[in-house]
Amino acid sequence: MECAAKPVVTPNDSDATLGKMIRAMADAPAKWSFALGETDDVAAMARLIWNRRFPRHGTDDESEPISVPMERAEPAVHVAVMLCQFFVSGAVRRADS
């Protein structure tokens, strides 16, 4: 998700995280356009994944495996894939482009 969105949302921030990108879109939604609606719609979808109660980073520590129930993991993957496609395809783009 971050790799797909960074070139569009925060291209000059080498430390861009999903949280930073969500804030950037929320703070200045007019900087981007979204083919299906408003930038706020994209930020809201990204928040579904970014939600801090949802473990989205893996771990190599086998003593503390991350366990996410399938009913939460599967829709999160679908939303992430959809958002990645929006950014890569140009459905979300900088308004000045």
Protein backbone atom coordinates (compact mmCIF):
# COMPACT_ATOMS: atom_id res chain seq x y z
CA MET A 1 0.00 0.00 0.00
CA GLU A 2 2.71 2.48 0.98
CA CYS A 3 4.79 1.65 -2.11
CA ALA A 4 1.83 2.29 -4.41
CA ALA A 5 0.64 5.51 -2.73
CA LYS A 6 3.96 7.19 -1.93
CA PRO A 7 4.79 8.40 -5.49
CA VAL A 8 1.36 10.06 -5.67
CA VAL A 9 0.86 11.36 -2.14
CA THR A 10 4.28 11.95 -0.58
CA PRO A 11 6.88 11.62 -3.35
CA ASN A 12 9.49 13.73 -1.54
CA ASP A 13 9.24 11.97 1.83
CA SER A 14 11.61 9.02 2.01
CA ASP A 15 10.11 8.05 5.39
CA ALA A 16 6.50 8.11 4.20
CA THR A 17 4.18 5.80 6.11
CA LEU A 18 0.54 5.03 5.54
CA GLY A 19 -0.33 7.22 8.50
CA LYS A 20 1.57 10.19 7.04
CA MET A 21 -0.15 9.72 3.70
CA ILE A 22 -3.60 9.57 5.28
CA ARG A 23 -2.86 12.80 7.18
CA ALA A 24 -1.57 14.49 4.03
CA MET A 25 -4.75 13.61 2.14
CA ALA A 26 -6.95 14.70 5.06
CA ASP A 27 -5.08 18.00 5.54
CA ALA A 28 -5.18 19.05 1.88
CA PRO A 29 -7.72 16.94 -0.05
CA ALA A 30 -7.76 19.36 -2.99
CA LYS A 31 -4.19 18.30 -3.88
CA TRP A 32 -5.51 15.00 -5.28
CA SER A 33 -8.35 13.82 -7.43
CA PHE A 34 -10.12 10.48 -7.27
CA ALA A 35 -11.97 9.14 -10.29
CA LEU A 36 -14.82 7.70 -8.21
CA GLY A 37 -15.32 10.43 -5.64
CA GLU A 38 -13.48 12.59 -3.17
CA THR A 39 -9.99 12.27 -1.72
CA ASP A 40 -11.68 11.79 1.65
CA ASP A 41 -13.11 8.52 0.30
CA VAL A 42 -9.59 7.25 -0.41
CA ALA A 43 -8.35 8.36 3.01
CA ALA A 44 -11.29 6.60 4.69
CA MET A 45 -10.50 3.34 2.87
CA ALA A 46 -6.83 3.64 3.85
CA ARG A 47 -7.85 4.19 7.48
CA LEU A 48 -9.56 0.79 7.43
CA ILE A 49 -6.15 -0.79 6.93
CA TRP A 50 -4.14 1.66 9.02
CA ASN A 51 -6.35 1.20 12.07
CA ARG A 52 -3.87 0.59 14.87
CA ARG A 53 -5.94 -2.20 16.35
CA PHE A 54 -5.30 -4.23 13.22
CA PRO A 55 -1.81 -5.79 13.05
CA ARG A 56 -0.60 -5.12 9.52
CA HIS A 57 3.13 -5.65 9.88
CA GLY A 58 4.68 -9.08 9.91
CA THR A 59 7.25 -10.30 12.38
CA ASP A 60 10.19 -12.65 12.23
CA ASP A 61 9.86 -13.37 15.95
CA GLU A 62 8.42 -16.87 16.03
CA SER A 63 7.73 -16.57 19.77
CA GLU A 64 5.21 -13.79 19.08
CA PRO A 65 3.29 -14.73 15.93
CA ILE A 66 0.65 -12.38 14.68
CA SER A 67 -2.74 -13.96 14.48
CA VAL A 68 -5.50 -12.23 12.57
CA PRO A 69 -8.85 -13.92 12.10
CA MET A 70 -9.66 -14.66 8.46
CA GLU A 71 -12.87 -12.63 8.64
CA ARG A 72 -10.72 -9.52 9.32
CA ALA A 73 -7.68 -10.38 7.20
CA GLU A 74 -9.47 -11.16 3.95
CA PRO A 75 -11.40 -7.88 3.62
CA ALA A 76 -8.28 -5.92 4.61
CA VAL A 77 -6.35 -7.56 1.78
CA HIS A 78 -9.15 -6.75 -0.68
CA VAL A 79 -9.21 -3.09 0.37
CA ALA A 80 -5.40 -2.89 0.14
CA VAL A 81 -5.37 -4.41 -3.35
CA MET A 82 -8.09 -2.02 -4.50
CA LEU A 83 -6.27 1.01 -3.11
CA CYS A 84 -2.99 -0.07 -4.68
CA GLN A 85 -4.74 -0.36 -8.03
CA PHE A 86 -6.27 3.10 -7.63
CA PHE A 87 -2.84 4.67 -7.08
CA VAL A 88 -0.95 2.68 -9.70
CA SER A 89 -3.62 3.10 -12.41
CA GLY A 90 -4.01 6.85 -11.92
CA ALA A 91 -7.53 6.72 -10.48
CA VAL A 92 -5.98 8.67 -7.59
CA ARG A 93 -3.60 11.34 -8.83
CA ARG A 94 -2.23 14.72 -7.95
CA ALA A 95 -4.73 17.37 -8.96
CA ASP A 96 -2.02 19.36 -10.74
CA SER A 97 -1.12 16.47 -13.09
